[in-house]
N, C-alpha and C. Protein backbone atom coordinates (compact mmCIF):
# COMPACT_ATOMS: atom_id res chain seq x y z
N MET A 1 -3.80 162.30 -93.38
CA MET A 1 -3.58 161.21 -92.53
C MET A 1 -2.65 159.80 -92.85
N ASN A 2 -1.82 159.39 -91.88
CA ASN A 2 -0.72 158.70 -91.62
C ASN A 2 -1.15 157.25 -92.59
N PRO A 3 0.00 157.32 -94.39
CA PRO A 3 -0.06 156.42 -94.34
C PRO A 3 0.22 154.86 -93.92
N HIS A 4 0.93 154.91 -92.44
CA HIS A 4 1.11 153.25 -91.77
C HIS A 4 -0.36 153.66 -91.42
N PHE A 5 -1.22 154.15 -91.08
CA PHE A 5 -2.10 154.32 -90.66
C PHE A 5 -3.35 153.49 -90.67
N ALA A 6 -3.21 154.10 -92.08
CA ALA A 6 -4.21 153.63 -93.28
C ALA A 6 -3.64 152.49 -93.59
N SER A 7 -2.30 152.04 -93.59
CA SER A 7 -2.33 150.54 -94.12
C SER A 7 -2.36 149.96 -93.05
N LEU A 8 -2.54 150.05 -91.90
CA LEU A 8 -3.01 148.94 -90.69
C LEU A 8 -4.16 149.31 -90.84
N ILE A 9 -4.89 149.22 -91.27
CA ILE A 9 -6.24 149.48 -91.01
C ILE A 9 -7.29 148.74 -92.28
N LEU A 10 -6.28 149.16 -93.18
CA LEU A 10 -7.33 148.40 -94.49
C LEU A 10 -6.71 147.01 -94.11
N GLY A 11 -5.33 146.69 -93.89
CA GLY A 11 -4.60 145.29 -93.96
C GLY A 11 -5.78 144.45 -93.06
N LEU A 12 -6.12 144.72 -91.84
CA LEU A 12 -6.51 143.44 -91.24
C LEU A 12 -8.31 144.33 -91.90
N GLY A 13 -8.80 145.19 -92.39
CA GLY A 13 -9.97 145.16 -92.76
C GLY A 13 -10.32 144.42 -93.90
N THR A 14 -8.95 144.60 -94.41
CA THR A 14 -8.40 143.17 -95.91
C THR A 14 -8.89 141.50 -95.05
N GLN A 15 -8.25 141.12 -94.14
CA GLN A 15 -8.05 140.05 -93.71
C GLN A 15 -9.13 139.96 -93.23
N ALA A 16 -10.41 140.53 -92.42
CA ALA A 16 -11.63 140.03 -92.02
C ALA A 16 -12.33 139.93 -92.90
N THR A 17 -12.68 141.01 -94.07
CA THR A 17 -12.95 140.43 -94.94
C THR A 17 -12.66 139.25 -95.77
N ALA A 18 -11.58 138.82 -95.93
CA ALA A 18 -10.86 137.75 -96.31
C ALA A 18 -11.87 136.77 -95.57
N ALA A 19 -11.59 136.21 -93.86
CA ALA A 19 -12.72 135.53 -93.21
C ALA A 19 -13.12 135.78 -93.44
N LEU A 20 -14.28 136.27 -93.82
CA LEU A 20 -15.58 135.74 -93.53
C LEU A 20 -16.55 135.50 -94.79
N GLU A 21 -15.38 135.71 -96.06
CA GLU A 21 -15.49 135.38 -97.41
C GLU A 21 -14.76 133.71 -97.62
N GLY A 22 -14.48 133.11 -96.08
CA GLY A 22 -13.41 131.75 -96.87
C GLY A 22 -12.01 131.96 -96.81
N LYS A 23 -11.96 132.54 -97.60
CA LYS A 23 -10.49 133.07 -98.28
C LYS A 23 -9.35 133.78 -96.95
N LEU A 24 -9.16 132.23 -96.19
CA LEU A 24 -8.15 132.29 -95.41
C LEU A 24 -6.93 131.76 -95.87
N PRO A 25 -5.65 132.66 -95.22
CA PRO A 25 -4.39 131.64 -95.76
C PRO A 25 -4.00 130.52 -95.60
N ALA A 26 -3.16 129.95 -96.42
CA ALA A 26 -3.22 128.55 -95.69
C ALA A 26 -2.38 128.32 -93.98
N GLU A 27 -1.97 129.43 -93.83
CA GLU A 27 -1.56 128.64 -91.88
C GLU A 27 -2.50 128.75 -91.65
N ALA A 28 -3.80 129.39 -92.30
CA ALA A 28 -4.81 129.77 -90.37
C ALA A 28 -6.15 128.64 -91.05
N ALA A 29 -6.08 128.03 -91.96
CA ALA A 29 -6.64 126.84 -93.10
C ALA A 29 -7.48 126.07 -91.70
N GLY A 30 -7.43 125.58 -90.74
CA GLY A 30 -7.91 124.67 -89.62
C GLY A 30 -8.24 125.69 -88.64
N ALA A 31 -8.73 127.24 -88.79
CA ALA A 31 -9.51 127.74 -87.81
C ALA A 31 -10.39 128.30 -88.63
N ASN A 32 -11.12 128.69 -87.22
CA ASN A 32 -12.75 128.33 -87.97
C ASN A 32 -12.80 130.09 -88.64
N PRO A 33 -12.86 130.11 -89.89
CA PRO A 33 -12.84 131.73 -90.71
C PRO A 33 -13.78 132.88 -89.37
N ARG A 34 -15.47 132.56 -88.94
CA ARG A 34 -15.55 133.39 -88.69
C ARG A 34 -15.32 134.10 -87.34
N ASP A 35 -14.56 132.89 -86.48
CA ASP A 35 -13.65 133.66 -85.23
C ASP A 35 -12.35 134.15 -85.54
N VAL A 36 -12.15 133.74 -86.94
CA VAL A 36 -10.73 134.64 -86.84
C VAL A 36 -10.97 136.19 -87.80
N ALA A 37 -12.24 136.23 -88.18
CA ALA A 37 -13.45 137.58 -89.06
C ALA A 37 -13.57 138.00 -87.23
N ARG A 38 -14.22 138.05 -86.46
CA ARG A 38 -14.38 138.39 -84.85
C ARG A 38 -13.41 139.34 -84.54
N ALA A 39 -11.77 138.18 -84.06
CA ALA A 39 -11.54 138.63 -83.88
C ALA A 39 -10.37 139.35 -84.32
N LEU A 40 -10.22 139.81 -85.32
CA LEU A 40 -9.40 140.65 -86.53
C LEU A 40 -10.83 142.12 -86.35
N ILE A 41 -12.06 141.95 -86.42
CA ILE A 41 -13.05 143.05 -85.90
C ILE A 41 -12.65 143.73 -84.53
N ASP A 42 -12.67 142.49 -83.70
CA ASP A 42 -12.44 142.85 -81.98
C ASP A 42 -11.48 143.97 -82.28
N THR A 43 -9.38 143.36 -83.29
CA THR A 43 -8.99 143.63 -83.40
C THR A 43 -8.99 145.35 -83.61
N LEU A 44 -9.57 145.60 -84.21
CA LEU A 44 -10.50 147.17 -84.94
C LEU A 44 -10.95 147.68 -84.08
N GLY A 45 -11.86 147.50 -83.18
CA GLY A 45 -12.94 147.52 -82.12
C GLY A 45 -11.61 148.71 -80.82
N VAL A 46 -10.83 147.53 -80.17
CA VAL A 46 -9.62 148.24 -79.38
C VAL A 46 -9.35 149.46 -80.00
N LEU A 47 -8.84 149.40 -81.44
CA LEU A 47 -8.16 150.58 -81.29
C LEU A 47 -8.55 151.83 -82.09
N GLU A 48 -10.18 151.57 -82.86
CA GLU A 48 -10.84 152.76 -82.31
C GLU A 48 -11.12 153.13 -80.96
N GLU A 49 -11.35 152.98 -80.00
CA GLU A 49 -11.06 153.14 -78.48
C GLU A 49 -10.14 153.12 -78.08
N LYS A 50 -8.78 153.53 -78.40
CA LYS A 50 -7.24 153.18 -77.79
C LYS A 50 -7.10 154.43 -78.86
N THR A 51 -7.54 154.76 -79.46
CA THR A 51 -6.95 156.01 -80.43
C THR A 51 -7.85 157.74 -80.64
N ARG A 52 -9.44 156.90 -79.90
CA ARG A 52 -10.50 157.85 -79.40
C ARG A 52 -9.94 159.57 -79.39
N GLY A 53 -9.97 160.16 -80.17
CA GLY A 53 -9.45 162.03 -80.44
C GLY A 53 -8.92 162.05 -80.54
N ASN A 54 -7.39 160.77 -80.48
CA ASN A 54 -5.72 161.14 -81.44
C ASN A 54 -5.54 160.88 -83.15
N LEU A 55 -7.09 160.94 -83.85
CA LEU A 55 -6.67 160.74 -84.97
C LEU A 55 -7.46 162.12 -85.87
N ASP A 56 -6.44 162.33 -86.70
CA ASP A 56 -7.21 163.24 -87.82
C ASP A 56 -8.18 162.65 -87.88
N ALA A 57 -9.42 163.72 -88.98
CA ALA A 57 -10.59 163.26 -89.00
C ALA A 57 -10.77 162.43 -90.35
N ASP A 58 -9.81 162.16 -91.53
CA ASP A 58 -9.70 160.93 -91.97
C ASP A 58 -9.16 159.98 -91.72
N GLU A 59 -8.26 159.50 -91.04
CA GLU A 59 -8.52 158.46 -90.02
C GLU A 59 -9.65 157.78 -89.21
N GLN A 60 -10.06 159.17 -88.04
CA GLN A 60 -12.03 158.23 -87.57
C GLN A 60 -12.49 158.16 -88.77
N ARG A 61 -12.27 158.59 -90.21
CA ARG A 61 -13.35 158.51 -91.49
C ARG A 61 -13.46 157.01 -91.11
N LEU A 62 -11.77 156.48 -91.86
CA LEU A 62 -11.52 155.42 -92.32
C LEU A 62 -12.26 154.59 -91.44
N LEU A 63 -11.81 154.29 -90.73
CA LEU A 63 -11.84 153.04 -88.89
C LEU A 63 -12.82 153.54 -88.96
N THR A 64 -13.62 154.23 -88.98
CA THR A 64 -15.40 153.56 -89.13
C THR A 64 -15.76 153.25 -90.00
N GLU A 65 -15.60 153.91 -91.52
CA GLU A 65 -16.03 152.90 -92.06
C GLU A 65 -15.67 151.95 -92.35
N VAL A 66 -14.13 151.25 -91.71
CA VAL A 66 -13.74 150.06 -92.02
C VAL A 66 -14.47 149.48 -91.10
N LEU A 67 -14.75 149.72 -89.95
CA LEU A 67 -15.24 148.68 -89.11
C LEU A 67 -16.76 148.29 -88.75
N THR A 68 -17.81 149.49 -89.62
CA THR A 68 -19.16 150.00 -89.76
C THR A 68 -19.76 148.73 -90.54
N ASN A 69 -18.67 148.88 -91.20
CA ASN A 69 -19.02 147.37 -92.62
C ASN A 69 -18.59 146.61 -92.35
N LEU A 70 -17.96 146.32 -91.09
CA LEU A 70 -17.42 145.08 -91.23
C LEU A 70 -18.30 144.61 -90.66
N ARG A 71 -18.34 144.60 -89.84
CA ARG A 71 -19.56 144.43 -88.06
C ARG A 71 -21.00 144.43 -89.31
N ILE A 72 -21.51 145.17 -89.95
CA ILE A 72 -22.55 145.03 -90.57
C ILE A 72 -22.40 143.41 -91.58
N ARG A 73 -21.03 142.80 -92.03
CA ARG A 73 -21.01 141.86 -92.74
C ARG A 73 -21.82 140.81 -91.90
N PHE A 74 -20.64 141.10 -90.49
CA PHE A 74 -20.76 139.76 -89.82
C PHE A 74 -22.09 139.85 -89.55
N VAL A 75 -22.79 140.68 -88.92
CA VAL A 75 -23.90 140.22 -88.34
C VAL A 75 -25.41 139.49 -90.03
N GLN A 76 -24.22 140.01 -90.78
CA GLN A 76 -25.70 139.93 -91.83
C GLN A 76 -24.79 138.01 -92.41
N GLU A 77 -24.04 137.76 -92.60
CA GLU A 77 -23.32 136.57 -92.03
C GLU A 77 -23.62 135.36 -91.59
N GLY A 78 -23.95 135.98 -90.55
CA GLY A 78 -24.85 135.37 -89.45
C GLY A 78 -25.49 134.33 -89.61
N ARG A 79 -26.61 134.73 -89.94
CA ARG A 79 -27.84 134.81 -90.82
C ARG A 79 -28.13 133.84 -91.33
């Protein structure tokens, strides 16, 4: 697994989680946390689409797991 790719996926996932938990960085304090989370989740979705067929098994599994967990949490917290 490419450590830079894993760091990118985990970093975006962490930011999306922070947004869902209302723990945005100070510079994003004026933004709607759900909008920020949605944008980050959408970015991960674009990465998934654009890298399809070009990732090794571990990279694909990481991206799929992070994205699936975030999507589920986003829907659950929207209720």
